[in-house]
Amino acid sequence: FDWTSLAYVVVFGSASLAFLVNLSIFLVIGKTDPLAYNVLGHAKLCMILMSGPMLFGEPVTLKVALGTALALAGIFWYTYLRLPPRAKST
């Protein structure tokens, strides 16, 4: 493998992104709890699964569609349960 200047840039860019991912994990867990981080991870996975058909024209299988819908329903339900009750306006 030849270490060209482009290879150095790609490796440094990849390492920088990995550092930012780890920093974001640290900040999310510090501000919330591990369960909220897990829910956030599932939301990210849903976005990845939905981006395939939108960006690359991949076929949507029934298994992927149902799994994504079920995960999103769980994310929305968790968010609904975690939100503080709204004050009634009079």
N, C-alpha and C. Protein backbone atom coordinates (compact mmCIF):
# COMPACT_ATOMS: atom_id res chain seq x y z
N PHE A 1 0.84 -1.18 0.00
CA PHE A 1 0.00 0.00 0.00
C PHE A 1 0.88 1.24 0.00
N ASP A 2 0.60 2.15 -0.90
CA ASP A 2 1.36 3.41 -0.97
C ASP A 2 0.64 4.48 -0.16
N TRP A 3 1.36 5.08 0.76
CA TRP A 3 0.80 6.15 1.58
C TRP A 3 0.92 7.47 0.83
N THR A 4 -0.10 7.77 0.06
CA THR A 4 -0.14 9.04 -0.65
C THR A 4 -0.75 10.11 0.25
N SER A 5 -0.70 11.34 -0.20
CA SER A 5 -1.30 12.41 0.61
C SER A 5 -2.81 12.21 0.73
N LEU A 6 -3.44 11.66 -0.30
CA LEU A 6 -4.88 11.39 -0.22
C LEU A 6 -5.18 10.32 0.84
N ALA A 7 -4.34 9.30 0.94
CA ALA A 7 -4.53 8.26 1.94
C ALA A 7 -4.43 8.85 3.35
N TYR A 8 -3.48 9.75 3.55
CA TYR A 8 -3.35 10.40 4.85
C TYR A 8 -4.60 11.22 5.19
N VAL A 9 -5.11 11.93 4.21
CA VAL A 9 -6.31 12.74 4.43
C VAL A 9 -7.51 11.86 4.76
N VAL A 10 -7.66 10.76 4.05
CA VAL A 10 -8.79 9.85 4.30
C VAL A 10 -8.68 9.22 5.68
N VAL A 11 -7.50 8.77 6.07
CA VAL A 11 -7.31 8.16 7.39
C VAL A 11 -7.55 9.20 8.49
N PHE A 12 -7.03 10.40 8.32
CA PHE A 12 -7.24 11.45 9.31
C PHE A 12 -8.71 11.83 9.39
N GLY A 13 -9.38 11.92 8.25
CA GLY A 13 -10.80 12.24 8.24
C GLY A 13 -11.62 11.17 8.93
N SER A 14 -11.30 9.92 8.68
CA SER A 14 -12.00 8.81 9.32
C SER A 14 -11.78 8.82 10.83
N ALA A 15 -10.55 9.07 11.26
CA ALA A 15 -10.26 9.13 12.69
C ALA A 15 -10.98 10.31 13.35
N SER A 16 -11.05 11.42 12.65
CA SER A 16 -11.76 12.59 13.19
C SER A 16 -13.25 12.30 13.35
N LEU A 17 -13.85 11.66 12.36
CA LEU A 17 -15.27 11.31 12.46
C LEU A 17 -15.52 10.31 13.59
N ALA A 18 -14.62 9.35 13.76
CA ALA A 18 -14.76 8.38 14.85
C ALA A 18 -14.67 9.09 16.20
N PHE A 19 -13.77 10.06 16.32
CA PHE A 19 -13.68 10.83 17.55
C PHE A 19 -14.98 11.58 17.82
N LEU A 20 -15.55 12.20 16.79
CA LEU A 20 -16.80 12.95 16.97
C LEU A 20 -17.97 12.04 17.34
N VAL A 21 -17.99 10.83 16.78
CA VAL A 21 -19.04 9.87 17.15
C VAL A 21 -18.91 9.52 18.63
N ASN A 22 -17.70 9.23 19.07
CA ASN A 22 -17.50 8.88 20.48
C ASN A 22 -17.82 10.05 21.40
N LEU A 23 -17.46 11.25 20.99
CA LEU A 23 -17.79 12.44 21.78
C LEU A 23 -19.30 12.63 21.88
N SER A 24 -20.00 12.43 20.78
CA SER A 24 -21.46 12.58 20.81
C SER A 24 -22.10 11.52 21.71
N ILE A 25 -21.57 10.31 21.71
CA ILE A 25 -22.08 9.26 22.61
C ILE A 25 -21.89 9.68 24.06
N PHE A 26 -20.70 10.18 24.38
CA PHE A 26 -20.41 10.64 25.73
C PHE A 26 -21.37 11.75 26.15
N LEU A 27 -21.61 12.71 25.27
CA LEU A 27 -22.50 13.83 25.60
C LEU A 27 -23.95 13.39 25.74
N VAL A 28 -24.41 12.49 24.87
CA VAL A 28 -25.80 12.03 24.95
C VAL A 28 -26.04 11.25 26.24
N ILE A 29 -25.13 10.34 26.57
CA ILE A 29 -25.31 9.55 27.79
C ILE A 29 -25.17 10.45 29.02
N GLY A 30 -24.31 11.47 28.95
CA GLY A 30 -24.16 12.39 30.08
C GLY A 30 -25.40 13.22 30.33
N LYS A 31 -26.13 13.56 29.27
CA LYS A 31 -27.33 14.39 29.41
C LYS A 31 -28.60 13.57 29.59
N THR A 32 -28.59 12.32 29.18
CA THR A 32 -29.80 11.48 29.30
C THR A 32 -29.46 10.24 30.10
N ASP A 33 -29.83 9.10 29.58
CA ASP A 33 -29.52 7.83 30.22
C ASP A 33 -29.20 6.80 29.14
N PRO A 34 -28.68 5.65 29.52
CA PRO A 34 -28.32 4.65 28.51
C PRO A 34 -29.50 4.18 27.65
N LEU A 35 -30.70 4.14 28.22
CA LEU A 35 -31.86 3.73 27.44
C LEU A 35 -32.15 4.74 26.34
N ALA A 36 -32.06 6.02 26.65
CA ALA A 36 -32.28 7.05 25.63
C ALA A 36 -31.23 6.94 24.53
N TYR A 37 -30.01 6.62 24.89
CA TYR A 37 -28.96 6.43 23.89
C TYR A 37 -29.30 5.24 23.00
N ASN A 38 -29.81 4.17 23.58
CA ASN A 38 -30.20 2.99 22.81
C ASN A 38 -31.32 3.33 21.84
N VAL A 39 -32.29 4.10 22.30
CA VAL A 39 -33.39 4.53 21.43
C VAL A 39 -32.85 5.39 20.29
N LEU A 40 -31.92 6.27 20.60
CA LEU A 40 -31.29 7.11 19.57
C LEU A 40 -30.55 6.25 18.55
N GLY A 41 -29.91 5.21 19.00
CA GLY A 41 -29.23 4.29 18.09
C GLY A 41 -30.20 3.61 17.15
N HIS A 42 -31.37 3.24 17.65
CA HIS A 42 -32.38 2.63 16.79
C HIS A 42 -32.93 3.65 15.79
N ALA A 43 -33.07 4.90 16.21
CA ALA A 43 -33.52 5.94 15.28
C ALA A 43 -32.50 6.12 14.15
N LYS A 44 -31.22 6.08 14.51
CA LYS A 44 -30.17 6.19 13.50
C LYS A 44 -30.23 5.02 12.53
N LEU A 45 -30.45 3.83 13.04
CA LEU A 45 -30.55 2.65 12.19
C LEU A 45 -31.75 2.76 11.24
N CYS A 46 -32.86 3.28 11.74
CA CYS A 46 -34.03 3.48 10.88
C CYS A 46 -33.72 4.45 9.75
N MET A 47 -32.99 5.51 10.06
CA MET A 47 -32.60 6.48 9.03
C MET A 47 -31.70 5.82 7.98
N ILE A 48 -30.80 4.96 8.42
CA ILE A 48 -29.91 4.27 7.49
C ILE A 48 -30.72 3.34 6.60
N LEU A 49 -31.66 2.59 7.19
CA LEU A 49 -32.48 1.67 6.41
C LEU A 49 -33.36 2.41 5.42
N MET A 50 -33.88 3.58 5.79
CA MET A 50 -34.74 4.34 4.88
C MET A 50 -33.94 5.08 3.81
N SER A 51 -32.66 5.35 4.06
CA SER A 51 -31.88 6.07 3.07
C SER A 51 -31.50 5.19 1.88
N GLY A 52 -31.43 3.89 2.08
CA GLY A 52 -31.09 2.99 0.97
C GLY A 52 -32.04 3.12 -0.21
N PRO A 53 -33.33 2.94 0.01
CA PRO A 53 -34.27 3.10 -1.12
C PRO A 53 -34.33 4.53 -1.66
N MET A 54 -34.21 5.52 -0.77
CA MET A 54 -34.33 6.91 -1.23
C MET A 54 -33.10 7.34 -2.04
N LEU A 55 -31.91 6.96 -1.60
CA LEU A 55 -30.70 7.43 -2.26
C LEU A 55 -30.20 6.51 -3.36
N PHE A 56 -30.38 5.21 -3.18
CA PHE A 56 -29.77 4.26 -4.10
C PHE A 56 -30.78 3.41 -4.87
N GLY A 57 -32.06 3.63 -4.64
CA GLY A 57 -33.09 2.88 -5.36
C GLY A 57 -33.17 1.42 -4.98
N GLU A 58 -32.72 1.06 -3.79
CA GLU A 58 -32.80 -0.33 -3.34
C GLU A 58 -34.26 -0.73 -3.15
N PRO A 59 -34.60 -1.98 -3.40
CA PRO A 59 -35.98 -2.40 -3.18
C PRO A 59 -36.29 -2.48 -1.68
N VAL A 60 -37.51 -2.13 -1.33
CA VAL A 60 -37.96 -2.20 0.06
C VAL A 60 -38.65 -3.54 0.26
N THR A 61 -38.06 -4.37 1.10
CA THR A 61 -38.68 -5.65 1.39
C THR A 61 -39.71 -5.48 2.51
N LEU A 62 -40.63 -6.41 2.59
CA LEU A 62 -41.65 -6.36 3.63
C LEU A 62 -41.01 -6.41 5.01
N LYS A 63 -39.97 -7.23 5.15
CA LYS A 63 -39.29 -7.36 6.44
C LYS A 63 -38.67 -6.03 6.88
N VAL A 64 -38.01 -5.33 5.97
CA VAL A 64 -37.39 -4.04 6.29
C VAL A 64 -38.46 -3.00 6.60
N ALA A 65 -39.53 -2.97 5.81
CA ALA A 65 -40.59 -1.99 6.01
C ALA A 65 -41.28 -2.20 7.36
N LEU A 66 -41.62 -3.44 7.68
CA LEU A 66 -42.29 -3.71 8.96
C LEU A 66 -41.35 -3.47 10.14
N GLY A 67 -40.11 -3.86 10.01
CA GLY A 67 -39.15 -3.66 11.09
C GLY A 67 -38.90 -2.18 11.36
N THR A 68 -38.77 -1.41 10.29
CA THR A 68 -38.56 0.03 10.44
C THR A 68 -39.80 0.69 11.05
N ALA A 69 -40.98 0.31 10.58
CA ALA A 69 -42.22 0.88 11.12
C ALA A 69 -42.38 0.54 12.59
N LEU A 70 -42.08 -0.68 12.97
CA LEU A 70 -42.20 -1.09 14.37
C LEU A 70 -41.18 -0.34 15.24
N ALA A 71 -39.96 -0.21 14.75
CA ALA A 71 -38.94 0.53 15.51
C ALA A 71 -39.33 1.99 15.66
N LEU A 72 -39.83 2.62 14.59
CA LEU A 72 -40.25 4.02 14.68
C LEU A 72 -41.43 4.18 15.63
N ALA A 73 -42.36 3.23 15.62
CA ALA A 73 -43.49 3.30 16.56
C ALA A 73 -42.98 3.23 18.00
N GLY A 74 -42.01 2.36 18.26
CA GLY A 74 -41.44 2.28 19.60
C GLY A 74 -40.71 3.54 19.99
N ILE A 75 -40.00 4.15 19.05
CA ILE A 75 -39.29 5.40 19.32
C ILE A 75 -40.28 6.51 19.66
N PHE A 76 -41.34 6.63 18.86
CA PHE A 76 -42.34 7.67 19.12
C PHE A 76 -43.05 7.43 20.45
N TRP A 77 -43.34 6.18 20.76
CA TRP A 77 -44.01 5.87 22.02
C TRP A 77 -43.11 6.20 23.21
N TYR A 78 -41.83 5.84 23.12
CA TYR A 78 -40.88 6.15 24.18
C TYR A 78 -40.78 7.67 24.37
N THR A 79 -40.69 8.40 23.27
CA THR A 79 -40.60 9.86 23.35
C THR A 79 -41.86 10.44 23.99
N TYR A 80 -43.02 9.92 23.62
CA TYR A 80 -44.27 10.39 24.19
C TYR A 80 -44.30 10.16 25.70
N LEU A 81 -43.84 9.00 26.14
CA LEU A 81 -43.85 8.69 27.57
C LEU A 81 -42.84 9.53 28.35
N ARG A 82 -41.74 9.91 27.71
CA ARG A 82 -40.69 10.66 28.40
C ARG A 82 -40.96 12.17 28.46
N LEU A 83 -41.81 12.68 27.57
CA LEU A 83 -42.07 14.11 27.57
C LEU A 83 -42.85 14.52 28.81
N PRO A 84 -42.52 15.67 29.39
CA PRO A 84 -43.28 16.13 30.56
C PRO A 84 -44.69 16.53 30.14
N PRO A 85 -45.65 16.40 31.05
CA PRO A 85 -47.02 16.79 30.70
C PRO A 85 -47.09 18.28 30.41
N ARG A 86 -47.92 18.64 29.45
CA ARG A 86 -48.08 20.05 29.09
C ARG A 86 -49.06 20.72 30.03
N ALA A 87 -48.79 21.97 30.35
CA ALA A 87 -49.69 22.73 31.21
C ALA A 87 -50.93 23.10 30.42
N LYS A 88 -52.09 22.99 31.07
CA LYS A 88 -53.34 23.32 30.40
C LYS A 88 -53.48 24.84 30.37
N SER A 89 -53.83 25.35 29.20
CA SER A 89 -54.05 26.80 29.07
C SER A 89 -55.51 27.11 29.38
N THR A 90 -55.72 28.17 30.15
CA THR A 90 -57.10 28.53 30.52
C THR A 90 -57.50 29.83 29.92
